[in-house]
């Protein structure tokens, strides 16, 4: 089959975790004998930021991922005609929610005219919560909604779409695996900022416990953190902020840390339960000892307390980190069991199989 993916970017993972899964899914489909190509806007927000930091980012991507095909496009006069030519031989078009409404509508129209199966991939809370934005997408034109959790799927069903399927994210195990490197820090947090829904969790479950554990080495990676927060980290909190971390470098950082923290954003816990971010899959695939704030695992993807440790209060987080940083055997046990669960059920190859089964 021939798959056409329309995403913010496959080239850039700057504040764009969806690129992690997209790359792995494209590779998994190709290993099964299918064709896959990603279409991304020439003015991609994520890629623009990446190129500002790394001017040779596109060439570096092509050297690193020579097997991933992409086309950059511009919306405007003649776009829909060009799109018809691009999709003439496609079997399936998958459109991610982080696209311009004009692009979303155009792909759905062209697919309908050509008889190409169209799927809308929803991995965020903005579509189901923002009525005006959702209306601008004209989702009724799509054959299928791919929702990355049951709660997202339920909202789309309640809105009346006749074919809604759940497709969780997963780990790209061609990238995420344990690395044989010495420990460089005790605790690490990898995550981006940019919205107010991040601050409360960090204050409570990262910075609060950190004050009670001054003897441990803390490191933090991510982009879009406000300067006031960075100053606080450098002065009173003694957390080493290291800026952006390329996705390819994450497994080594996880492997070089005794404990990896996961603090989900509030909307994914309260508004869309059962929606783990891709960081959970990737940390466990790397064999990391993961300590996570609670999130409702409505699909039973993992076994809390076996695959990872749950800490819901600052005291629980402090005690869990202190215990695991001194107990190497327990860390190894969580890392081993978490990776086994990923390899058994949650790789990009598993998701490629699920997607193909839906299409059958």
Protein backbone atom coordinates (compact mmCIF):
# COMPACT_ATOMS: atom_id res chain seq x y z
CA UNK A 1 0.00 0.00 0.00
CA UNK A 2 1.02 3.61 -0.50
CA UNK A 3 0.70 5.88 2.55
CA UNK A 4 0.73 9.69 2.40
CA UNK A 5 1.29 11.36 5.77
CA UNK A 6 0.51 15.05 6.30
CA UNK A 7 2.24 16.24 9.49
CA UNK A 8 3.83 19.36 10.94
CA UNK A 9 7.23 17.84 10.19
CA UNK A 10 9.11 14.58 9.92
CA UNK A 11 12.40 16.46 9.67
CA UNK A 12 12.11 18.39 12.93
CA UNK A 13 11.41 17.18 16.46
CA UNK A 14 11.85 20.68 17.98
CA UNK A 15 8.96 20.80 20.48
CA UNK A 16 7.34 18.19 18.25
CA UNK A 17 7.07 14.78 19.84
CA UNK A 18 4.76 13.55 17.08
CA UNK A 19 7.80 13.36 14.81
CA UNK A 20 9.22 10.57 17.01
CA UNK A 21 6.24 8.29 16.38
CA UNK A 22 5.86 9.32 12.74
CA UNK A 23 9.43 8.32 11.90
CA UNK A 24 9.05 4.97 13.62
CA UNK A 25 5.67 4.26 12.02
CA UNK A 26 6.93 5.10 8.52
CA UNK A 27 9.92 2.81 8.99
CA UNK A 28 7.73 0.01 10.34
CA UNK A 29 5.38 0.22 7.35
CA UNK A 30 8.31 0.21 4.96
CA UNK A 31 9.79 -2.89 6.59
CA UNK A 32 6.47 -4.59 5.88
CA UNK A 33 6.77 -3.76 2.19
CA UNK A 34 4.61 -0.63 2.02
CA UNK A 35 5.50 2.83 0.73
CA UNK A 36 5.38 5.92 2.94
CA UNK A 37 6.02 9.60 2.32
CA UNK A 38 5.52 12.62 4.57
CA UNK A 39 4.21 15.95 3.31
CA UNK A 40 5.06 18.92 5.50
CA UNK A 41 4.60 22.69 5.10
CA UNK A 42 7.62 24.62 3.89
CA UNK A 43 7.02 27.14 6.68
CA UNK A 44 6.73 24.45 9.39
CA UNK A 45 6.83 26.14 12.82
CA UNK A 46 8.88 23.32 14.33
CA UNK A 47 11.42 23.22 11.51
CA UNK A 48 11.86 26.98 11.53
CA UNK A 49 12.85 26.86 15.19
CA UNK A 50 15.19 23.92 14.62
CA UNK A 51 16.95 25.62 11.71
CA UNK A 52 17.48 28.73 13.84
CA UNK A 53 19.45 26.56 16.26
CA UNK A 54 20.97 24.18 13.70
CA UNK A 55 21.24 25.71 10.20
CA UNK A 56 22.21 22.35 8.68
CA UNK A 57 19.25 20.51 10.23
CA UNK A 58 17.70 19.33 6.95
CA UNK A 59 20.96 17.89 5.64
CA UNK A 60 21.59 16.23 9.01
CA UNK A 61 18.13 14.65 8.90
CA UNK A 62 18.76 13.27 5.43
CA UNK A 63 22.06 11.73 6.54
CA UNK A 64 20.48 10.22 9.66
CA UNK A 65 17.23 9.01 8.09
CA UNK A 66 18.06 8.28 4.43
CA UNK A 67 15.12 5.86 4.30
CA UNK A 68 12.44 8.46 5.14
CA UNK A 69 10.96 10.32 2.16
CA UNK A 70 9.41 13.78 2.48
CA UNK A 71 8.01 16.58 0.34
CA UNK A 72 7.69 20.19 1.47
CA UNK A 73 4.73 22.15 0.11
CA UNK A 74 3.22 25.64 0.19
CA UNK A 75 -0.47 26.36 0.48
CA UNK A 76 -1.95 28.81 -1.99
CA UNK A 77 -2.96 29.09 -5.64
CA UNK A 78 -2.79 25.76 -7.45
CA UNK A 79 -2.21 23.70 -4.28
CA UNK A 80 -5.27 21.49 -4.64
CA UNK A 81 -4.39 20.64 -8.23
CA UNK A 82 -0.85 19.72 -7.14
CA UNK A 83 -2.31 17.67 -4.28
CA UNK A 84 -4.48 15.63 -6.66
CA UNK A 85 -1.35 14.69 -8.57
CA UNK A 86 0.45 13.68 -5.39
CA UNK A 87 -2.42 11.50 -4.15
CA UNK A 88 -3.38 9.95 -7.48
CA UNK A 89 -1.53 6.71 -6.66
CA UNK A 90 -2.00 6.75 -2.88
CA UNK A 91 -4.09 4.22 -1.00
CA UNK A 92 -4.25 5.97 2.38
CA UNK A 93 -3.78 9.59 3.50
CA UNK A 94 -3.26 10.27 7.21
CA UNK A 95 -3.59 13.90 8.31
CA UNK A 96 -2.34 14.97 11.72
CA UNK A 97 -4.28 17.49 13.76
CA UNK A 98 -1.36 19.96 13.85
CA UNK A 99 -1.98 21.30 10.35
CA UNK A 100 -3.60 24.35 8.86
CA UNK A 101 -7.40 23.86 8.53
CA UNK A 102 -7.06 24.68 4.83
CA UNK A 103 -4.72 21.71 4.38
CA UNK A 104 -6.96 19.39 6.41
CA UNK A 105 -10.02 20.26 4.34
CA UNK A 106 -8.16 20.01 1.03
CA UNK A 107 -6.80 16.53 1.73
CA UNK A 108 -10.24 15.26 2.75
CA UNK A 109 -11.83 16.67 -0.41
CA UNK A 110 -9.19 15.26 -2.75
CA UNK A 111 -9.26 11.86 -1.08
CA UNK A 112 -13.04 11.72 -1.45
CA UNK A 113 -12.81 12.56 -5.14
CA UNK A 114 -10.03 10.05 -5.81
CA UNK A 115 -11.33 7.22 -3.64
CA UNK A 116 -8.32 7.36 -1.31
CA UNK A 117 -8.93 6.26 2.31
CA UNK A 118 -8.65 9.35 4.53
CA UNK A 119 -7.78 9.27 8.23
CA UNK A 120 -7.54 12.17 10.68
CA UNK A 121 -4.96 11.56 13.43
CA UNK A 122 -5.88 13.35 16.67
CA UNK A 123 -3.13 13.45 19.32
CA UNK A 124 -4.07 16.59 21.25
CA UNK A 125 -6.90 18.03 23.30
CA UNK A 126 -7.40 21.16 21.16
CA UNK A 127 -9.61 19.49 18.55
CA UNK A 128 -12.22 18.04 20.90
CA UNK A 129 -12.23 21.07 23.24
CA UNK A 130 -12.13 23.98 20.75
CA UNK A 131 -15.45 23.92 18.90
CA UNK A 132 -14.59 26.68 16.44
CA UNK A 133 -11.26 25.10 15.49
CA UNK A 134 -12.90 21.68 15.15
CA UNK A 135 -15.62 23.08 12.88
CA UNK A 136 -12.97 24.61 10.61
CA UNK A 137 -11.51 21.13 9.94
CA UNK A 138 -14.70 19.57 8.52
CA UNK A 139 -13.87 16.21 10.05
CA UNK A 140 -17.08 14.61 8.75
CA UNK A 141 -15.34 14.38 5.37
CA UNK A 142 -12.78 11.90 6.76
CA UNK A 143 -13.42 8.16 6.57
CA UNK A 144 -11.79 7.47 9.94
CA UNK A 145 -10.67 9.31 13.06
CA UNK A 146 -7.50 7.88 14.63
CA UNK A 147 -7.53 8.89 18.31
CA UNK A 148 -4.51 8.28 20.50
CA UNK A 149 -6.52 7.37 23.59
CA UNK A 150 -9.98 6.03 24.46
CA UNK A 151 -11.09 9.34 25.97
CA UNK A 152 -10.25 11.22 22.77
CA UNK A 153 -12.07 8.54 20.79
CA UNK A 154 -15.15 8.78 23.03
CA UNK A 155 -15.38 12.52 22.47
CA UNK A 156 -15.25 12.11 18.70
CA UNK A 157 -17.92 9.40 18.83
CA UNK A 158 -20.10 11.68 20.95
CA UNK A 159 -19.69 14.33 18.26
CA UNK A 160 -21.18 11.91 15.77
CA UNK A 161 -18.32 10.54 13.69
CA UNK A 162 -19.23 6.99 12.56
CA UNK A 163 -15.75 5.45 12.45
CA UNK A 164 -13.38 6.25 15.31
CA UNK A 165 -10.43 4.00 16.17
CA UNK A 166 -7.83 4.12 18.94
CA UNK A 167 -4.18 4.09 17.88
CA UNK A 168 -1.84 4.72 20.79
CA UNK A 169 1.61 6.09 20.23
CA UNK A 170 4.56 3.75 20.73
CA UNK A 171 8.35 3.56 20.92
CA UNK A 172 10.58 3.53 17.88
CA UNK A 173 12.92 0.75 19.01
CA UNK A 174 15.24 1.44 16.09
CA UNK A 175 16.19 4.49 18.17
CA UNK A 176 15.17 3.77 21.77
CA UNK A 177 17.18 1.05 23.47
CA UNK A 178 19.45 0.83 26.55
CA UNK A 179 22.91 2.32 26.07
CA UNK A 180 26.03 1.11 27.86
CA UNK A 181 27.15 4.44 29.31
CA UNK A 182 28.22 5.53 32.82
CA UNK A 183 25.74 7.37 35.02
CA UNK A 184 26.10 11.14 34.64
CA UNK A 185 23.23 12.29 36.86
CA UNK A 186 20.89 10.88 39.45
CA UNK A 187 17.61 12.34 38.17
CA UNK A 188 16.65 13.65 34.74
CA UNK A 189 13.50 15.22 33.34
CA UNK A 190 13.02 15.58 29.57
CA UNK A 191 10.05 17.69 28.50
CA UNK A 192 9.13 20.96 26.83
CA UNK A 193 7.28 23.92 28.29
CA UNK A 194 5.39 26.80 26.73
CA UNK A 195 2.02 26.50 28.45
CA UNK A 196 0.79 27.14 32.00
CA UNK A 197 -0.36 23.53 32.39
CA UNK A 198 3.25 22.46 32.96
CA UNK A 199 4.26 24.76 35.83
CA UNK A 200 2.11 23.32 38.64
CA UNK A 201 3.35 19.78 38.12
CA UNK A 202 6.99 20.85 37.95
CA UNK A 203 6.73 22.96 41.10
CA UNK A 204 5.10 20.15 43.05
CA UNK A 205 6.81 16.99 41.81
CA UNK A 206 10.17 18.10 40.45
CA UNK A 207 11.34 21.26 42.20
CA UNK A 208 9.72 20.55 45.58
CA UNK A 209 11.30 17.11 46.12
CA UNK A 210 14.58 18.39 44.68
CA UNK A 211 14.94 20.81 47.62
CA UNK A 212 14.79 17.84 50.01
CA UNK A 213 17.48 15.95 48.07
CA UNK A 214 20.36 18.43 47.77
CA UNK A 215 22.96 15.63 47.58
CA UNK A 216 21.60 14.33 44.25
CA UNK A 217 22.47 15.55 40.76
CA UNK A 218 19.45 16.82 38.79
CA UNK A 219 19.37 17.63 35.06
CA UNK A 220 16.56 18.93 32.88
CA UNK A 221 16.12 19.21 29.11
CA UNK A 222 13.53 20.95 26.95
CA UNK A 223 12.61 24.15 25.14
CA UNK A 224 10.26 27.11 25.63
CA UNK A 225 10.90 27.51 29.36
CA UNK A 226 10.33 31.08 30.61
CA UNK A 227 13.42 32.96 31.74
CA UNK A 228 12.07 33.42 35.28
CA UNK A 229 11.86 29.67 35.70
CA UNK A 230 15.35 29.17 34.29
CA UNK A 231 16.77 31.70 36.76
CA UNK A 232 15.09 29.88 39.64
CA UNK A 233 16.55 26.57 38.46
CA UNK A 234 20.07 28.00 38.32
CA UNK A 235 19.96 29.75 41.68
CA UNK A 236 17.83 28.23 44.40
CA UNK A 237 16.90 24.87 42.89
CA UNK A 238 20.30 23.65 41.68
CA UNK A 239 18.84 21.88 38.64
CA UNK A 240 21.18 21.87 35.65
CA UNK A 241 19.16 23.04 32.65
CA UNK A 242 20.68 21.80 29.38
CA UNK A 243 18.26 23.10 26.76
CA UNK A 244 17.02 21.21 23.71
CA UNK A 245 17.73 17.51 23.46
CA UNK A 246 17.58 15.94 19.99
CA UNK A 247 15.42 12.84 19.94
CA UNK A 248 18.28 10.64 18.80
CA UNK A 249 20.26 11.63 21.91
CA UNK A 250 17.48 10.89 24.41
CA UNK A 251 18.22 7.15 24.89
CA UNK A 252 21.80 7.90 25.95
CA UNK A 253 20.63 10.56 28.41
CA UNK A 254 18.06 8.15 29.87
CA UNK A 255 20.70 5.44 30.17
CA UNK A 256 23.09 7.87 31.86
CA UNK A 257 20.50 8.67 34.58
CA UNK A 258 19.59 6.61 37.62
CA UNK A 259 15.98 7.86 37.61
CA UNK A 260 13.88 9.35 34.81
CA UNK A 261 10.89 11.51 35.80
CA UNK A 262 7.60 11.74 33.96
CA UNK A 263 5.19 14.53 34.90
CA UNK A 264 2.20 14.57 32.53
CA UNK A 265 0.45 17.79 31.67
CA UNK A 266 -2.78 18.43 33.54
CA UNK A 267 -5.17 18.22 30.53
CA UNK A 268 -4.01 14.68 29.76
CA UNK A 269 -4.75 13.60 33.32
CA UNK A 270 -8.00 15.45 34.00
CA UNK A 271 -9.66 16.09 30.62
CA UNK A 272 -8.41 13.17 28.53
CA UNK A 273 -7.66 10.28 30.88
CA UNK A 274 -5.79 7.29 29.51
CA UNK A 275 -3.55 9.38 27.26
CA UNK A 276 0.11 8.67 27.97
CA UNK A 277 2.60 10.84 26.11
CA UNK A 278 5.26 9.23 23.98
CA UNK A 279 7.86 9.94 26.69
CA UNK A 280 6.53 7.00 28.72
CA UNK A 281 6.97 4.56 25.85
CA UNK A 282 10.42 5.90 25.01
CA UNK A 283 11.76 5.90 28.57
CA UNK A 284 10.68 2.30 29.12
CA UNK A 285 12.06 1.23 25.73
CA UNK A 286 15.41 2.68 26.84
CA UNK A 287 15.41 0.47 29.93
CA UNK A 288 15.08 3.49 32.19
CA UNK A 289 13.91 3.38 35.79
CA UNK A 290 10.86 5.59 35.36
CA UNK A 291 9.11 7.42 38.20
CA UNK A 292 5.82 8.92 37.04
CA UNK A 293 3.12 11.10 38.49
CA UNK A 294 -0.21 9.23 38.38
CA UNK A 295 -2.20 9.05 35.17
CA UNK A 296 -5.27 6.85 34.54
CA UNK A 297 -4.16 3.95 32.35
CA UNK A 298 -7.66 3.14 31.08
CA UNK A 299 -6.40 0.70 28.42
CA UNK A 300 -4.09 -1.24 30.71
CA UNK A 301 -1.06 -0.42 28.59
CA UNK A 302 1.35 -0.89 31.48
CA UNK A 303 1.42 -2.28 34.99
CA UNK A 304 2.10 0.52 37.47
CA UNK A 305 4.41 -0.63 40.25
CA UNK A 306 5.96 -3.22 37.96
CA UNK A 307 6.92 -1.39 34.75
CA UNK A 308 7.43 1.93 36.52
CA UNK A 309 7.05 3.59 39.93
CA UNK A 310 4.13 5.91 40.70
CA UNK A 311 4.57 8.93 42.98
CA UNK A 312 1.59 11.22 43.42
CA UNK A 313 2.71 13.65 46.13
CA UNK A 314 5.93 15.57 46.78
CA UNK A 315 6.69 13.26 49.73
CA UNK A 316 6.11 10.13 47.66
CA UNK A 317 8.29 11.52 44.88
CA UNK A 318 11.08 12.41 47.32
CA UNK A 319 11.00 8.97 48.94
CA UNK A 320 10.87 7.10 45.63
CA UNK A 321 13.81 9.01 44.19
CA UNK A 322 15.91 8.60 47.32
CA UNK A 323 15.19 4.85 47.43
CA UNK A 324 15.89 4.19 43.77
CA UNK A 325 19.03 6.28 43.57
CA UNK A 326 20.65 4.04 46.18
CA UNK A 327 19.07 0.71 45.13
CA UNK A 328 20.68 -0.40 41.89
CA UNK A 329 18.94 -3.79 41.84
CA UNK A 330 15.47 -2.23 42.04
CA UNK A 331 16.35 0.24 39.28
CA UNK A 332 17.51 -2.60 37.07
CA UNK A 333 14.34 -4.56 37.76
CA UNK A 334 12.03 -1.74 36.74
CA UNK A 335 14.13 -1.03 33.66
CA UNK A 336 14.09 -4.67 32.55
CA UNK A 337 10.36 -5.18 33.08
CA UNK A 338 9.41 -1.88 31.44
CA UNK A 339 11.42 -2.66 28.33
CA UNK A 340 9.95 -6.17 28.15
CA UNK A 341 6.45 -4.65 28.11
CA UNK A 342 7.40 -2.28 25.29
CA UNK A 343 8.92 -5.05 23.18
CA UNK A 344 5.88 -7.26 23.77
CA UNK A 345 3.14 -4.73 22.95
CA UNK A 346 4.17 -1.13 22.30
CA UNK A 347 6.63 -0.72 19.43
CA UNK A 348 5.99 1.20 16.23
CA UNK A 349 5.86 -2.16 14.47
CA UNK A 350 2.93 -3.15 16.70
CA UNK A 351 1.13 0.06 15.75
CA UNK A 352 1.84 -0.49 12.05
CA UNK A 353 0.19 -3.89 12.38
CA UNK A 354 -2.82 -2.38 14.15
CA UNK A 355 -3.17 0.29 11.47
CA UNK A 356 -3.02 -2.25 8.67
CA UNK A 357 -5.64 -4.39 10.43
CA UNK A 358 -7.95 -1.36 10.60
CA UNK A 359 -7.50 -0.80 6.88
CA UNK A 360 -8.40 -4.42 6.12
